[in-house]
Amino acid sequence: MVKADIVRSIELQMGLSHEEASQQVEQILEIIKNSLENGDSVLISGFGQWKVRSKKARVGRNPKTKDEYEISPRKVVTFYPSNVWRNELQKQANKG
């Protein structure tokens, strides 16, 4: 599923025009992005949480040449599904 599919689903379910649905999706994504950029976590109950983590510098290795190089420190976004959703997914996986 891509963003266009989400927009189309919102159009159909809420009876909005393509432009209105697209604006709604963009606003939601912008709010999430801004919160994460400010270092805040984003929690959607029953769905999951996005967190910004800091990763330390480390030594990497080119598997082909075995040359070592330093991987610089950076921030990454991680997603943790809620327990409710994780349990639902597990039930579905056990059925089929």
N, C-alpha and C. Protein backbone atom coordinates (compact mmCIF):
# COMPACT_ATOMS: atom_id res chain seq x y z
N MET A 1 0.85 -1.17 0.00
CA MET A 1 0.00 0.00 0.00
C MET A 1 0.90 1.24 0.00
N VAL A 2 0.54 2.19 -0.81
CA VAL A 2 1.26 3.45 -0.90
C VAL A 2 0.33 4.59 -0.48
N LYS A 3 0.90 5.79 -0.38
CA LYS A 3 0.12 6.93 0.08
C LYS A 3 -1.12 7.16 -0.77
N ALA A 4 -1.03 6.97 -2.07
CA ALA A 4 -2.18 7.15 -2.95
C ALA A 4 -3.31 6.18 -2.60
N ASP A 5 -2.97 4.98 -2.17
CA ASP A 5 -3.99 4.01 -1.75
C ASP A 5 -4.69 4.47 -0.48
N ILE A 6 -3.93 5.06 0.43
CA ILE A 6 -4.51 5.58 1.66
C ILE A 6 -5.46 6.72 1.34
N VAL A 7 -5.04 7.62 0.46
CA VAL A 7 -5.89 8.75 0.06
C VAL A 7 -7.17 8.22 -0.56
N ARG A 8 -7.06 7.25 -1.43
CA ARG A 8 -8.24 6.68 -2.10
C ARG A 8 -9.19 6.03 -1.08
N SER A 9 -8.65 5.33 -0.10
CA SER A 9 -9.48 4.72 0.94
C SER A 9 -10.23 5.77 1.73
N ILE A 10 -9.56 6.86 2.06
CA ILE A 10 -10.21 7.94 2.80
C ILE A 10 -11.30 8.59 1.95
N GLU A 11 -11.02 8.76 0.67
CA GLU A 11 -12.04 9.30 -0.25
C GLU A 11 -13.31 8.45 -0.19
N LEU A 12 -13.14 7.15 -0.33
CA LEU A 12 -14.29 6.25 -0.40
C LEU A 12 -15.01 6.14 0.94
N GLN A 13 -14.28 6.05 2.03
CA GLN A 13 -14.89 5.83 3.34
C GLN A 13 -15.53 7.09 3.91
N MET A 14 -14.96 8.25 3.61
CA MET A 14 -15.45 9.48 4.22
C MET A 14 -16.21 10.37 3.23
N GLY A 15 -16.24 9.98 1.97
CA GLY A 15 -16.96 10.76 0.98
C GLY A 15 -16.31 12.10 0.67
N LEU A 16 -15.00 12.17 0.81
CA LEU A 16 -14.28 13.41 0.53
C LEU A 16 -13.79 13.42 -0.92
N SER A 17 -13.50 14.60 -1.41
CA SER A 17 -12.89 14.70 -2.74
C SER A 17 -11.44 14.23 -2.63
N HIS A 18 -10.84 13.96 -3.78
CA HIS A 18 -9.45 13.51 -3.79
C HIS A 18 -8.55 14.56 -3.14
N GLU A 19 -8.80 15.81 -3.47
CA GLU A 19 -7.99 16.89 -2.94
C GLU A 19 -8.12 17.01 -1.42
N GLU A 20 -9.33 16.91 -0.90
CA GLU A 20 -9.55 17.00 0.54
C GLU A 20 -8.89 15.82 1.27
N ALA A 21 -9.05 14.62 0.74
CA ALA A 21 -8.45 13.44 1.35
C ALA A 21 -6.93 13.54 1.33
N SER A 22 -6.39 14.02 0.22
CA SER A 22 -4.94 14.17 0.10
C SER A 22 -4.42 15.19 1.12
N GLN A 23 -5.14 16.28 1.31
CA GLN A 23 -4.74 17.29 2.29
C GLN A 23 -4.76 16.71 3.71
N GLN A 24 -5.77 15.90 4.02
CA GLN A 24 -5.86 15.30 5.34
C GLN A 24 -4.67 14.38 5.60
N VAL A 25 -4.34 13.54 4.63
CA VAL A 25 -3.21 12.62 4.79
C VAL A 25 -1.91 13.41 4.95
N GLU A 26 -1.72 14.44 4.13
CA GLU A 26 -0.51 15.26 4.21
C GLU A 26 -0.40 15.95 5.57
N GLN A 27 -1.51 16.44 6.10
CA GLN A 27 -1.49 17.11 7.41
C GLN A 27 -1.10 16.13 8.52
N ILE A 28 -1.66 14.95 8.48
CA ILE A 28 -1.33 13.94 9.50
C ILE A 28 0.15 13.58 9.42
N LEU A 29 0.65 13.33 8.22
CA LEU A 29 2.06 12.97 8.07
C LEU A 29 2.97 14.11 8.50
N GLU A 30 2.59 15.34 8.21
CA GLU A 30 3.39 16.51 8.59
C GLU A 30 3.46 16.64 10.12
N ILE A 31 2.35 16.40 10.79
CA ILE A 31 2.33 16.46 12.26
C ILE A 31 3.26 15.39 12.84
N ILE A 32 3.20 14.18 12.30
CA ILE A 32 4.06 13.10 12.78
C ILE A 32 5.52 13.44 12.53
N LYS A 33 5.84 13.91 11.31
CA LYS A 33 7.23 14.27 10.98
C LYS A 33 7.76 15.36 11.88
N ASN A 34 6.97 16.42 12.10
CA ASN A 34 7.43 17.53 12.94
C ASN A 34 7.67 17.08 14.37
N SER A 35 6.80 16.24 14.89
CA SER A 35 6.98 15.74 16.26
C SER A 35 8.27 14.94 16.37
N LEU A 36 8.52 14.06 15.41
CA LEU A 36 9.73 13.24 15.45
C LEU A 36 10.98 14.10 15.28
N GLU A 37 10.91 15.10 14.41
CA GLU A 37 12.06 15.99 14.20
C GLU A 37 12.39 16.77 15.47
N ASN A 38 11.37 17.05 16.29
CA ASN A 38 11.58 17.75 17.55
C ASN A 38 12.03 16.80 18.67
N GLY A 39 12.18 15.53 18.35
CA GLY A 39 12.63 14.55 19.33
C GLY A 39 11.52 13.94 20.16
N ASP A 40 10.28 14.24 19.84
CA ASP A 40 9.14 13.69 20.56
C ASP A 40 8.74 12.34 19.99
N SER A 41 8.17 11.50 20.82
CA SER A 41 7.60 10.24 20.36
C SER A 41 6.18 10.49 19.89
N VAL A 42 5.69 9.64 19.00
CA VAL A 42 4.31 9.73 18.53
C VAL A 42 3.64 8.41 18.86
N LEU A 43 2.58 8.48 19.66
CA LEU A 43 1.85 7.29 20.09
C LEU A 43 0.42 7.34 19.58
N ILE A 44 0.02 6.31 18.87
CA ILE A 44 -1.37 6.16 18.43
C ILE A 44 -1.87 4.89 19.10
N SER A 45 -2.75 5.08 20.08
CA SER A 45 -3.25 3.96 20.87
C SER A 45 -3.89 2.90 19.98
N GLY A 46 -3.58 1.65 20.25
CA GLY A 46 -4.12 0.54 19.48
C GLY A 46 -3.39 0.30 18.17
N PHE A 47 -2.43 1.17 17.83
CA PHE A 47 -1.67 1.01 16.59
C PHE A 47 -0.19 0.85 16.89
N GLY A 48 0.42 1.88 17.49
CA GLY A 48 1.83 1.77 17.80
C GLY A 48 2.46 3.09 18.13
N GLN A 49 3.78 3.07 18.26
CA GLN A 49 4.53 4.25 18.65
C GLN A 49 5.79 4.39 17.80
N TRP A 50 6.06 5.62 17.37
CA TRP A 50 7.30 5.94 16.70
C TRP A 50 8.19 6.66 17.69
N LYS A 51 9.47 6.28 17.74
CA LYS A 51 10.44 6.91 18.63
C LYS A 51 11.69 7.24 17.83
N VAL A 52 12.36 8.31 18.25
CA VAL A 52 13.65 8.67 17.67
C VAL A 52 14.72 8.13 18.59
N ARG A 53 15.65 7.37 18.02
CA ARG A 53 16.76 6.80 18.79
C ARG A 53 18.07 7.35 18.26
N SER A 54 19.03 7.49 19.15
CA SER A 54 20.37 7.89 18.74
C SER A 54 21.23 6.63 18.64
N LYS A 55 21.97 6.55 17.56
CA LYS A 55 22.91 5.43 17.39
C LYS A 55 24.33 5.98 17.49
N LYS A 56 25.17 5.26 18.20
CA LYS A 56 26.56 5.67 18.38
C LYS A 56 27.36 5.38 17.11
N ALA A 57 28.51 6.04 17.02
CA ALA A 57 29.44 5.74 15.93
C ALA A 57 29.95 4.32 16.12
N ARG A 58 30.22 3.67 15.01
CA ARG A 58 30.73 2.30 15.09
C ARG A 58 31.59 2.02 13.87
N VAL A 59 32.32 0.94 13.95
CA VAL A 59 33.18 0.54 12.84
C VAL A 59 32.39 -0.42 11.95
N GLY A 60 32.38 -0.13 10.67
CA GLY A 60 31.76 -1.01 9.69
C GLY A 60 32.82 -1.66 8.84
N ARG A 61 32.42 -2.66 8.08
CA ARG A 61 33.39 -3.36 7.25
C ARG A 61 32.76 -3.67 5.90
N ASN A 62 33.49 -3.39 4.84
CA ASN A 62 33.07 -3.76 3.49
C ASN A 62 33.26 -5.27 3.37
N PRO A 63 32.16 -6.02 3.19
CA PRO A 63 32.31 -7.48 3.16
C PRO A 63 33.14 -8.00 1.99
N LYS A 64 33.18 -7.23 0.91
CA LYS A 64 33.93 -7.68 -0.26
C LYS A 64 35.44 -7.47 -0.10
N THR A 65 35.83 -6.26 0.36
CA THR A 65 37.25 -5.93 0.45
C THR A 65 37.82 -6.06 1.86
N LYS A 66 36.94 -6.23 2.84
CA LYS A 66 37.31 -6.32 4.26
C LYS A 66 37.87 -5.00 4.80
N ASP A 67 37.76 -3.91 4.03
CA ASP A 67 38.22 -2.61 4.51
C ASP A 67 37.28 -2.12 5.61
N GLU A 68 37.85 -1.54 6.67
CA GLU A 68 37.06 -1.00 7.77
C GLU A 68 36.87 0.50 7.56
N TYR A 69 35.74 1.00 8.03
CA TYR A 69 35.47 2.43 7.97
C TYR A 69 34.53 2.77 9.12
N GLU A 70 34.50 4.06 9.49
CA GLU A 70 33.67 4.48 10.61
C GLU A 70 32.29 4.88 10.09
N ILE A 71 31.27 4.35 10.75
CA ILE A 71 29.90 4.76 10.48
C ILE A 71 29.58 5.83 11.51
N SER A 72 29.21 7.01 11.03
CA SER A 72 29.02 8.16 11.92
C SER A 72 27.78 7.99 12.80
N PRO A 73 27.75 8.70 13.93
CA PRO A 73 26.56 8.64 14.79
C PRO A 73 25.37 9.27 14.07
N ARG A 74 24.18 8.79 14.37
CA ARG A 74 23.00 9.31 13.68
C ARG A 74 21.75 9.03 14.48
N LYS A 75 20.67 9.63 14.06
CA LYS A 75 19.38 9.39 14.68
C LYS A 75 18.53 8.57 13.71
N VAL A 76 17.78 7.63 14.26
CA VAL A 76 16.90 6.79 13.44
C VAL A 76 15.52 6.76 14.07
N VAL A 77 14.52 6.54 13.25
CA VAL A 77 13.15 6.41 13.73
C VAL A 77 12.81 4.93 13.78
N THR A 78 12.27 4.50 14.92
CA THR A 78 11.86 3.11 15.06
C THR A 78 10.36 3.07 15.37
N PHE A 79 9.72 2.03 14.91
CA PHE A 79 8.29 1.85 15.14
C PHE A 79 8.08 0.62 16.01
N TYR A 80 7.25 0.77 17.02
CA TYR A 80 6.90 -0.33 17.91
C TYR A 80 5.39 -0.53 17.84
N PRO A 81 4.92 -1.65 17.32
CA PRO A 81 3.46 -1.87 17.27
C PRO A 81 2.90 -2.04 18.68
N SER A 82 1.64 -1.64 18.86
CA SER A 82 1.00 -1.80 20.17
C SER A 82 0.79 -3.27 20.46
N ASN A 83 0.65 -3.59 21.73
CA ASN A 83 0.40 -4.98 22.12
C ASN A 83 -0.92 -5.48 21.55
N VAL A 84 -1.93 -4.62 21.51
CA VAL A 84 -3.24 -4.99 20.97
C VAL A 84 -3.09 -5.41 19.51
N TRP A 85 -2.43 -4.59 18.72
CA TRP A 85 -2.28 -4.88 17.30
C TRP A 85 -1.36 -6.09 17.08
N ARG A 86 -0.29 -6.17 17.87
CA ARG A 86 0.63 -7.30 17.76
C ARG A 86 -0.11 -8.61 18.03
N ASN A 87 -0.99 -8.62 19.04
CA ASN A 87 -1.76 -9.83 19.36
C ASN A 87 -2.72 -10.19 18.24
N GLU A 88 -3.35 -9.18 17.62
CA GLU A 88 -4.25 -9.43 16.49
C GLU A 88 -3.49 -10.05 15.32
N LEU A 89 -2.31 -9.50 15.04
CA LEU A 89 -1.50 -10.05 13.95
C LEU A 89 -1.09 -11.48 14.23
N GLN A 90 -0.75 -11.76 15.48
CA GLN A 90 -0.35 -13.10 15.87
C GLN A 90 -1.50 -14.09 15.70
N LYS A 91 -2.72 -13.67 16.08
CA LYS A 91 -3.89 -14.53 15.92
C LYS A 91 -4.12 -14.85 14.45
N GLN A 92 -3.99 -13.85 13.58
CA GLN A 92 -4.17 -14.05 12.15
C GLN A 92 -3.10 -15.00 11.60
N ALA A 93 -1.89 -14.85 12.08
CA ALA A 93 -0.80 -15.71 11.61
C ALA A 93 -1.02 -17.15 12.04
N ASN A 94 -1.59 -17.35 13.21
CA ASN A 94 -1.84 -18.71 13.71
C ASN A 94 -2.99 -19.38 12.98
N LYS A 95 -3.93 -18.60 12.45
CA LYS A 95 -5.06 -19.17 11.71
C LYS A 95 -4.66 -19.70 10.36
N GLY A 96 -3.78 -18.98 9.68
CA GLY A 96 -3.53 -19.36 8.31
C GLY A 96 -2.16 -19.75 8.07
